[in-house]
Amino acid sequence: MSSVTPREGFRWKEGYVVGLKARIVVAVGLLWALVLVGCGTVFQGVKQGVVVNSEPSGARVFVDGNEVGRTPAVVFLRRKTDHRVDLRLDGYRDHAFTFRSAPTTWVMVANVIAFATIFPFVVDGLNGAWNSFDEEVVKVTLDPLQKR
């Protein structure tokens, strides 16, 4: 293997030379990739799993009007917005509640420490990855319908 002079660039393998320009382009590309992704997107993702239980079990679970399963259920909700959940079971009163989405402090602090730019805030803010729900596990006791 022959020696490589600084003008030839850096030799990874025999016959493959990477010049200074190519290394700069790769470094800038990797830096932009890191800057354009926020900590919330990387570590939390844009969805959060929440557990919905009912007593008695077997209630139909509706999220924002769409049936997603029966209790007990793990439901994956987009962090960006609040979600209304309805539980319905024959012979029992329907029960509704809301999972509230709110910004998570640690994600904002991590974005400042790790990147110190506005881009991660924009990314995490737009896709909702910096939010979390106020509760992760809900257990509801359904009230039986009163017979007349």
N, C-alpha and C. Protein backbone atom coordinates (compact mmCIF):
# COMPACT_ATOMS: atom_id res chain seq x y z
N MET A 1 0.84 -1.17 0.00
CA MET A 1 0.00 0.00 0.00
C MET A 1 0.89 1.23 0.00
N SER A 2 0.61 2.15 -0.90
CA SER A 2 1.42 3.35 -1.00
C SER A 2 0.96 4.38 0.02
N SER A 3 1.87 5.27 0.36
CA SER A 3 1.50 6.32 1.30
C SER A 3 0.64 7.36 0.59
N VAL A 4 -0.18 8.05 1.36
CA VAL A 4 -1.11 9.04 0.81
C VAL A 4 -0.64 10.42 1.22
N THR A 5 -0.53 11.30 0.28
CA THR A 5 -0.15 12.68 0.58
C THR A 5 -1.42 13.46 0.88
N PRO A 6 -1.30 14.59 1.60
CA PRO A 6 -2.48 15.39 1.92
C PRO A 6 -3.27 15.83 0.69
N ARG A 7 -2.60 16.03 -0.46
CA ARG A 7 -3.31 16.45 -1.67
C ARG A 7 -4.22 15.35 -2.19
N GLU A 8 -3.87 14.09 -1.97
CA GLU A 8 -4.67 12.99 -2.49
C GLU A 8 -5.92 12.74 -1.64
N GLY A 9 -5.90 13.18 -0.43
CA GLY A 9 -7.04 12.96 0.45
C GLY A 9 -6.81 11.78 1.38
N PHE A 10 -7.90 11.28 1.93
CA PHE A 10 -7.86 10.19 2.90
C PHE A 10 -8.26 8.90 2.20
N ARG A 11 -7.45 7.85 2.37
CA ARG A 11 -7.69 6.58 1.68
C ARG A 11 -8.36 5.61 2.66
N TRP A 12 -9.64 5.26 2.38
CA TRP A 12 -10.34 4.26 3.19
C TRP A 12 -9.95 2.86 2.77
N LYS A 13 -9.98 2.61 1.50
CA LYS A 13 -9.62 1.31 0.94
C LYS A 13 -8.70 1.57 -0.25
N GLU A 14 -8.04 0.57 -0.64
CA GLU A 14 -7.20 0.71 -1.82
C GLU A 14 -8.06 1.15 -3.00
N GLY A 15 -7.69 2.24 -3.63
CA GLY A 15 -8.41 2.71 -4.80
C GLY A 15 -9.58 3.63 -4.50
N TYR A 16 -9.93 3.89 -3.23
CA TYR A 16 -11.05 4.77 -2.90
C TYR A 16 -10.53 5.95 -2.10
N VAL A 17 -10.51 7.09 -2.71
CA VAL A 17 -9.95 8.29 -2.08
C VAL A 17 -11.08 9.28 -1.84
N VAL A 18 -11.15 9.78 -0.61
CA VAL A 18 -12.15 10.78 -0.27
C VAL A 18 -11.42 12.10 -0.05
N GLY A 19 -11.77 13.09 -0.84
CA GLY A 19 -11.13 14.38 -0.74
C GLY A 19 -11.72 15.22 0.37
N LEU A 20 -11.11 16.35 0.61
CA LEU A 20 -11.54 17.26 1.67
C LEU A 20 -12.96 17.76 1.41
N LYS A 21 -13.29 18.09 0.17
CA LYS A 21 -14.64 18.57 -0.14
C LYS A 21 -15.69 17.52 0.21
N ALA A 22 -15.44 16.28 -0.16
CA ALA A 22 -16.40 15.21 0.11
C ALA A 22 -16.57 15.01 1.61
N ARG A 23 -15.49 15.09 2.36
CA ARG A 23 -15.59 14.95 3.82
C ARG A 23 -16.39 16.09 4.43
N ILE A 24 -16.22 17.29 3.91
CA ILE A 24 -16.97 18.44 4.43
C ILE A 24 -18.45 18.27 4.12
N VAL A 25 -18.77 17.85 2.92
CA VAL A 25 -20.17 17.64 2.54
C VAL A 25 -20.82 16.60 3.43
N VAL A 26 -20.15 15.49 3.69
CA VAL A 26 -20.68 14.44 4.56
C VAL A 26 -20.86 14.98 5.98
N ALA A 27 -19.87 15.70 6.50
CA ALA A 27 -19.96 16.25 7.87
C ALA A 27 -21.12 17.24 7.98
N VAL A 28 -21.26 18.12 7.01
CA VAL A 28 -22.36 19.10 7.04
C VAL A 28 -23.71 18.37 6.94
N GLY A 29 -23.79 17.36 6.09
CA GLY A 29 -25.03 16.59 5.97
C GLY A 29 -25.42 15.91 7.27
N LEU A 30 -24.45 15.30 7.94
CA LEU A 30 -24.73 14.66 9.24
C LEU A 30 -25.13 15.68 10.29
N LEU A 31 -24.47 16.82 10.30
CA LEU A 31 -24.81 17.88 11.25
C LEU A 31 -26.24 18.36 11.02
N TRP A 32 -26.62 18.60 9.76
CA TRP A 32 -27.98 19.04 9.47
C TRP A 32 -29.00 17.97 9.87
N ALA A 33 -28.67 16.72 9.65
CA ALA A 33 -29.59 15.65 10.04
C ALA A 33 -29.82 15.67 11.54
N LEU A 34 -28.78 15.90 12.31
CA LEU A 34 -28.92 15.98 13.77
C LEU A 34 -29.69 17.22 14.19
N VAL A 35 -29.42 18.34 13.54
CA VAL A 35 -30.06 19.60 13.91
C VAL A 35 -31.54 19.58 13.57
N LEU A 36 -31.92 18.94 12.47
CA LEU A 36 -33.30 18.96 12.03
C LEU A 36 -34.20 17.97 12.75
N VAL A 37 -33.64 17.16 13.62
CA VAL A 37 -34.44 16.23 14.41
C VAL A 37 -34.33 16.62 15.87
N GLY A 38 -35.47 16.83 16.51
CA GLY A 38 -35.47 17.22 17.91
C GLY A 38 -35.34 16.02 18.83
N CYS A 39 -35.02 16.30 20.08
CA CYS A 39 -34.88 15.23 21.09
C CYS A 39 -36.19 14.47 21.30
N GLY A 40 -37.31 15.18 21.27
CA GLY A 40 -38.59 14.51 21.45
C GLY A 40 -38.87 13.51 20.35
N THR A 41 -38.54 13.87 19.12
CA THR A 41 -38.76 12.99 17.98
C THR A 41 -37.92 11.73 18.13
N VAL A 42 -36.68 11.88 18.57
CA VAL A 42 -35.76 10.75 18.69
C VAL A 42 -36.11 9.86 19.88
N PHE A 43 -36.33 10.46 21.05
CA PHE A 43 -36.46 9.67 22.28
C PHE A 43 -37.89 9.30 22.64
N GLN A 44 -38.87 10.11 22.26
CA GLN A 44 -40.26 9.82 22.62
C GLN A 44 -41.08 9.34 21.44
N GLY A 45 -40.80 9.86 20.27
CA GLY A 45 -41.62 9.56 19.10
C GLY A 45 -42.86 10.43 19.09
N VAL A 46 -43.66 10.29 18.06
CA VAL A 46 -44.84 11.14 17.91
C VAL A 46 -46.10 10.50 18.48
N LYS A 47 -46.02 9.24 18.92
CA LYS A 47 -47.17 8.58 19.54
C LYS A 47 -46.80 8.10 20.93
N GLN A 48 -47.82 7.99 21.78
CA GLN A 48 -47.63 7.51 23.15
C GLN A 48 -48.68 6.45 23.43
N GLY A 49 -48.24 5.34 24.01
CA GLY A 49 -49.16 4.28 24.39
C GLY A 49 -49.80 4.61 25.74
N VAL A 50 -51.12 4.51 25.80
CA VAL A 50 -51.86 4.71 27.05
C VAL A 50 -52.71 3.47 27.30
N VAL A 51 -52.94 3.17 28.56
CA VAL A 51 -53.70 1.99 28.95
C VAL A 51 -55.09 2.42 29.39
N VAL A 52 -56.10 1.78 28.84
CA VAL A 52 -57.50 2.07 29.20
C VAL A 52 -58.11 0.80 29.76
N ASN A 53 -58.53 0.87 31.03
CA ASN A 53 -59.17 -0.26 31.72
C ASN A 53 -60.56 0.15 32.15
N SER A 54 -61.43 -0.84 32.26
CA SER A 54 -62.76 -0.56 32.80
C SER A 54 -63.18 -1.70 33.71
N GLU A 55 -64.07 -1.36 34.63
CA GLU A 55 -64.69 -2.36 35.50
C GLU A 55 -66.17 -2.25 35.27
N PRO A 56 -66.85 -3.20 34.70
CA PRO A 56 -66.33 -4.46 34.19
C PRO A 56 -65.53 -4.26 32.89
N SER A 57 -64.69 -5.24 32.58
CA SER A 57 -63.90 -5.17 31.36
C SER A 57 -64.76 -5.54 30.15
N GLY A 58 -64.22 -5.33 28.98
CA GLY A 58 -64.95 -5.66 27.76
C GLY A 58 -65.68 -4.48 27.13
N ALA A 59 -65.53 -3.30 27.70
CA ALA A 59 -66.19 -2.12 27.12
C ALA A 59 -65.53 -1.76 25.81
N ARG A 60 -66.33 -1.31 24.86
CA ARG A 60 -65.79 -0.86 23.58
C ARG A 60 -65.12 0.49 23.79
N VAL A 61 -63.93 0.65 23.19
CA VAL A 61 -63.14 1.87 23.34
C VAL A 61 -63.20 2.64 22.02
N PHE A 62 -63.61 3.90 22.11
CA PHE A 62 -63.64 4.80 20.95
C PHE A 62 -62.68 5.94 21.21
N VAL A 63 -61.83 6.22 20.26
CA VAL A 63 -60.92 7.37 20.35
C VAL A 63 -61.30 8.34 19.25
N ASP A 64 -61.67 9.54 19.65
CA ASP A 64 -62.08 10.57 18.70
C ASP A 64 -63.16 10.05 17.75
N GLY A 65 -64.07 9.22 18.28
CA GLY A 65 -65.19 8.71 17.50
C GLY A 65 -64.93 7.42 16.76
N ASN A 66 -63.71 6.92 16.76
CA ASN A 66 -63.37 5.68 16.05
C ASN A 66 -63.15 4.54 17.03
N GLU A 67 -63.82 3.41 16.79
CA GLU A 67 -63.65 2.26 17.67
C GLU A 67 -62.27 1.66 17.47
N VAL A 68 -61.54 1.46 18.58
CA VAL A 68 -60.16 0.96 18.49
C VAL A 68 -59.94 -0.34 19.26
N GLY A 69 -60.96 -0.84 19.96
CA GLY A 69 -60.79 -2.10 20.68
C GLY A 69 -61.71 -2.20 21.87
N ARG A 70 -61.38 -3.14 22.76
CA ARG A 70 -62.14 -3.36 23.99
C ARG A 70 -61.20 -3.35 25.19
N THR A 71 -61.74 -2.95 26.33
CA THR A 71 -60.91 -2.90 27.54
C THR A 71 -60.66 -4.32 28.03
N PRO A 72 -59.50 -4.55 28.63
CA PRO A 72 -58.37 -3.62 28.77
C PRO A 72 -57.67 -3.43 27.42
N ALA A 73 -57.23 -2.22 27.16
CA ALA A 73 -56.62 -1.91 25.85
C ALA A 73 -55.43 -0.98 26.02
N VAL A 74 -54.46 -1.16 25.15
CA VAL A 74 -53.36 -0.21 25.01
C VAL A 74 -53.62 0.51 23.70
N VAL A 75 -53.73 1.82 23.78
CA VAL A 75 -54.06 2.63 22.62
C VAL A 75 -52.89 3.58 22.36
N PHE A 76 -52.48 3.69 21.10
CA PHE A 76 -51.39 4.59 20.74
C PHE A 76 -51.98 5.86 20.15
N LEU A 77 -51.73 6.97 20.84
CA LEU A 77 -52.30 8.26 20.47
C LEU A 77 -51.21 9.22 20.02
N ARG A 78 -51.51 10.02 19.00
CA ARG A 78 -50.57 11.06 18.58
C ARG A 78 -50.45 12.09 19.70
N ARG A 79 -49.23 12.41 20.05
CA ARG A 79 -48.95 13.32 21.16
C ARG A 79 -49.38 14.77 20.89
N LYS A 80 -49.56 15.12 19.63
CA LYS A 80 -49.75 16.52 19.25
C LYS A 80 -51.03 17.14 19.80
N THR A 81 -52.11 16.36 19.93
CA THR A 81 -53.40 16.93 20.32
C THR A 81 -54.05 16.13 21.45
N ASP A 82 -55.07 16.74 22.05
CA ASP A 82 -55.89 16.05 23.03
C ASP A 82 -56.75 15.01 22.30
N HIS A 83 -57.14 13.96 23.03
CA HIS A 83 -57.99 12.91 22.43
C HIS A 83 -59.13 12.58 23.38
N ARG A 84 -60.34 12.55 22.82
CA ARG A 84 -61.53 12.15 23.59
C ARG A 84 -61.66 10.63 23.49
N VAL A 85 -61.87 10.01 24.63
CA VAL A 85 -62.06 8.55 24.69
C VAL A 85 -63.44 8.27 25.28
N ASP A 86 -64.18 7.41 24.59
CA ASP A 86 -65.50 7.00 25.07
C ASP A 86 -65.48 5.51 25.33
N LEU A 87 -66.09 5.09 26.44
CA LEU A 87 -66.25 3.67 26.76
C LEU A 87 -67.74 3.34 26.72
N ARG A 88 -68.08 2.25 26.03
CA ARG A 88 -69.48 1.84 25.91
C ARG A 88 -69.61 0.34 26.16
N LEU A 89 -70.55 0.02 27.02
CA LEU A 89 -70.83 -1.39 27.33
C LEU A 89 -72.33 -1.53 27.55
N ASP A 90 -72.93 -2.52 26.90
CA ASP A 90 -74.37 -2.74 27.05
C ASP A 90 -74.72 -2.91 28.52
N GLY A 91 -75.80 -2.23 28.96
CA GLY A 91 -76.26 -2.32 30.33
C GLY A 91 -75.58 -1.33 31.27
N TYR A 92 -74.66 -0.52 30.73
CA TYR A 92 -73.93 0.46 31.55
C TYR A 92 -73.96 1.83 30.87
N ARG A 93 -73.84 2.87 31.69
CA ARG A 93 -73.78 4.23 31.15
C ARG A 93 -72.47 4.42 30.39
N ASP A 94 -72.56 5.15 29.27
CA ASP A 94 -71.35 5.50 28.53
C ASP A 94 -70.50 6.41 29.40
N HIS A 95 -69.21 6.30 29.25
CA HIS A 95 -68.29 7.15 30.02
C HIS A 95 -67.29 7.78 29.04
N ALA A 96 -67.08 9.08 29.18
CA ALA A 96 -66.15 9.80 28.31
C ALA A 96 -65.11 10.53 29.15
N PHE A 97 -63.91 10.59 28.64
CA PHE A 97 -62.83 11.37 29.27
C PHE A 97 -61.86 11.80 28.18
N THR A 98 -60.95 12.68 28.55
CA THR A 98 -60.01 13.23 27.57
C THR A 98 -58.58 13.04 28.05
N PHE A 99 -57.73 12.56 27.13
CA PHE A 99 -56.29 12.56 27.38
C PHE A 99 -55.79 13.92 26.93
N ARG A 100 -55.23 14.69 27.86
CA ARG A 100 -54.75 16.04 27.57
C ARG A 100 -53.26 16.00 27.23
N SER A 101 -52.93 16.66 26.13
CA SER A 101 -51.54 16.73 25.66
C SER A 101 -50.93 18.05 26.11
N ALA A 102 -49.72 17.99 26.65
CA ALA A 102 -49.04 19.20 27.10
C ALA A 102 -47.53 19.05 26.86
N PRO A 103 -46.84 20.16 26.63
CA PRO A 103 -45.39 20.10 26.40
C PRO A 103 -44.65 19.48 27.58
N THR A 104 -43.60 18.74 27.27
CA THR A 104 -42.77 18.08 28.27
C THR A 104 -41.51 18.92 28.46
N THR A 105 -41.25 19.34 29.67
CA THR A 105 -40.13 20.23 29.96
C THR A 105 -38.79 19.63 29.58
N TRP A 106 -38.57 18.33 29.88
CA TRP A 106 -37.24 17.75 29.65
C TRP A 106 -36.87 17.78 28.18
N VAL A 107 -37.87 17.64 27.27
CA VAL A 107 -37.57 17.66 25.85
C VAL A 107 -37.09 19.04 25.42
N MET A 108 -37.74 20.08 25.93
CA MET A 108 -37.33 21.44 25.59
C MET A 108 -35.92 21.73 26.10
N VAL A 109 -35.65 21.32 27.33
CA VAL A 109 -34.32 21.54 27.90
C VAL A 109 -33.27 20.75 27.12
N ALA A 110 -33.58 19.51 26.77
CA ALA A 110 -32.63 18.69 26.00
C ALA A 110 -32.36 19.31 24.63
N ASN A 111 -33.38 19.87 23.99
CA ASN A 111 -33.17 20.52 22.70
C ASN A 111 -32.22 21.71 22.83
N VAL A 112 -32.35 22.48 23.91
CA VAL A 112 -31.47 23.63 24.12
C VAL A 112 -30.04 23.16 24.37
N ILE A 113 -29.88 22.17 25.24
CA ILE A 113 -28.54 21.69 25.58
C ILE A 113 -27.87 21.01 24.39
N ALA A 114 -28.61 20.15 23.71
CA ALA A 114 -28.00 19.36 22.65
C ALA A 114 -27.77 20.13 21.37
N PHE A 115 -28.66 21.03 21.02
CA PHE A 115 -28.57 21.62 19.70
C PHE A 115 -28.40 23.14 19.70
N ALA A 116 -28.99 23.82 20.65
CA ALA A 116 -28.89 25.28 20.75
C ALA A 116 -29.28 25.98 19.45
N THR A 117 -30.26 25.42 18.73
CA THR A 117 -30.79 26.07 17.54
C THR A 117 -32.31 26.01 17.59
N ILE A 118 -32.94 26.71 16.69
CA ILE A 118 -34.40 26.76 16.65
C ILE A 118 -35.01 25.54 15.96
N PHE A 119 -34.25 24.86 15.11
CA PHE A 119 -34.80 23.78 14.30
C PHE A 119 -35.43 22.64 15.11
N PRO A 120 -34.78 22.13 16.16
CA PRO A 120 -35.42 21.05 16.93
C PRO A 120 -36.74 21.48 17.56
N PHE A 121 -36.84 22.75 17.96
CA PHE A 121 -38.10 23.23 18.53
C PHE A 121 -39.20 23.23 17.47
N VAL A 122 -38.84 23.64 16.27
CA VAL A 122 -39.82 23.65 15.18
C VAL A 122 -40.26 22.23 14.86
N VAL A 123 -39.31 21.31 14.72
CA VAL A 123 -39.64 19.92 14.38
C VAL A 123 -40.50 19.30 15.47
N ASP A 124 -40.04 19.36 16.72
CA ASP A 124 -40.80 18.74 17.82
C ASP A 124 -42.14 19.43 18.02
N GLY A 125 -42.19 20.72 17.79
CA GLY A 125 -43.44 21.45 17.94
C GLY A 125 -44.45 21.08 16.86
N LEU A 126 -43.99 20.97 15.63
CA LEU A 126 -44.89 20.65 14.53
C LEU A 126 -45.41 19.22 14.59
N ASN A 127 -44.56 18.27 14.96
CA ASN A 127 -45.03 16.88 14.97
C ASN A 127 -45.56 16.44 16.34
N GLY A 128 -45.47 17.33 17.34
CA GLY A 128 -46.02 17.04 18.66
C GLY A 128 -45.16 16.17 19.54
N ALA A 129 -43.93 15.86 19.09
CA ALA A 129 -43.08 14.93 19.85
C ALA A 129 -42.65 15.48 21.21
N TRP A 130 -42.74 16.77 21.41
CA TRP A 130 -42.33 17.30 22.73
C TRP A 130 -43.48 17.24 23.74
N ASN A 131 -44.65 16.76 23.33
CA ASN A 131 -45.79 16.65 24.23
C ASN A 131 -45.90 15.27 24.85
N SER A 132 -46.61 15.21 25.97
CA SER A 132 -46.97 13.96 26.62
C SER A 132 -48.38 14.11 27.15
N PHE A 133 -49.01 12.99 27.48
CA PHE A 133 -50.35 13.04 28.04
C PHE A 133 -50.29 13.10 29.55
N ASP A 134 -51.30 13.75 30.14
CA ASP A 134 -51.33 13.93 31.58
C ASP A 134 -51.46 12.62 32.34
N GLU A 135 -52.06 11.61 31.72
CA GLU A 135 -52.18 10.29 32.34
C GLU A 135 -51.77 9.22 31.34
N GLU A 136 -51.19 8.15 31.85
CA GLU A 136 -50.81 7.04 30.97
C GLU A 136 -51.66 5.81 31.20
N VAL A 137 -52.30 5.73 32.37
CA VAL A 137 -53.16 4.60 32.70
C VAL A 137 -54.46 5.15 33.27
N VAL A 138 -55.59 4.69 32.71
CA VAL A 138 -56.90 5.13 33.19
C VAL A 138 -57.73 3.90 33.51
N LYS A 139 -58.35 3.89 34.70
CA LYS A 139 -59.27 2.82 35.05
C LYS A 139 -60.60 3.46 35.42
N VAL A 140 -61.63 3.03 34.72
CA VAL A 140 -62.96 3.60 34.89
C VAL A 140 -63.90 2.53 35.40
N THR A 141 -64.68 2.86 36.42
CA THR A 141 -65.75 1.98 36.88
C THR A 141 -67.04 2.45 36.23
N LEU A 142 -67.60 1.60 35.38
CA LEU A 142 -68.82 1.97 34.66
C LEU A 142 -70.03 1.81 35.57
N ASP A 143 -70.96 2.76 35.47
CA ASP A 143 -72.19 2.74 36.26
C ASP A 143 -73.26 1.96 35.51
N PRO A 144 -73.93 0.99 36.21
CA PRO A 144 -75.00 0.25 35.55
C PRO A 144 -76.20 1.17 35.28
N LEU A 145 -76.93 0.87 34.20
CA LEU A 145 -78.15 1.62 33.92
C LEU A 145 -79.18 1.26 34.97
N GLN A 146 -79.97 2.24 35.40
CA GLN A 146 -81.02 2.01 36.39
C GLN A 146 -82.24 1.45 35.68
N LYS A 147 -82.76 0.36 36.19
CA LYS A 147 -83.98 -0.20 35.63
C LYS A 147 -85.19 0.44 36.31
N ARG A 148 -86.21 0.75 35.50
CA ARG A 148 -87.40 1.42 36.06
C ARG A 148 -88.42 0.42 36.48
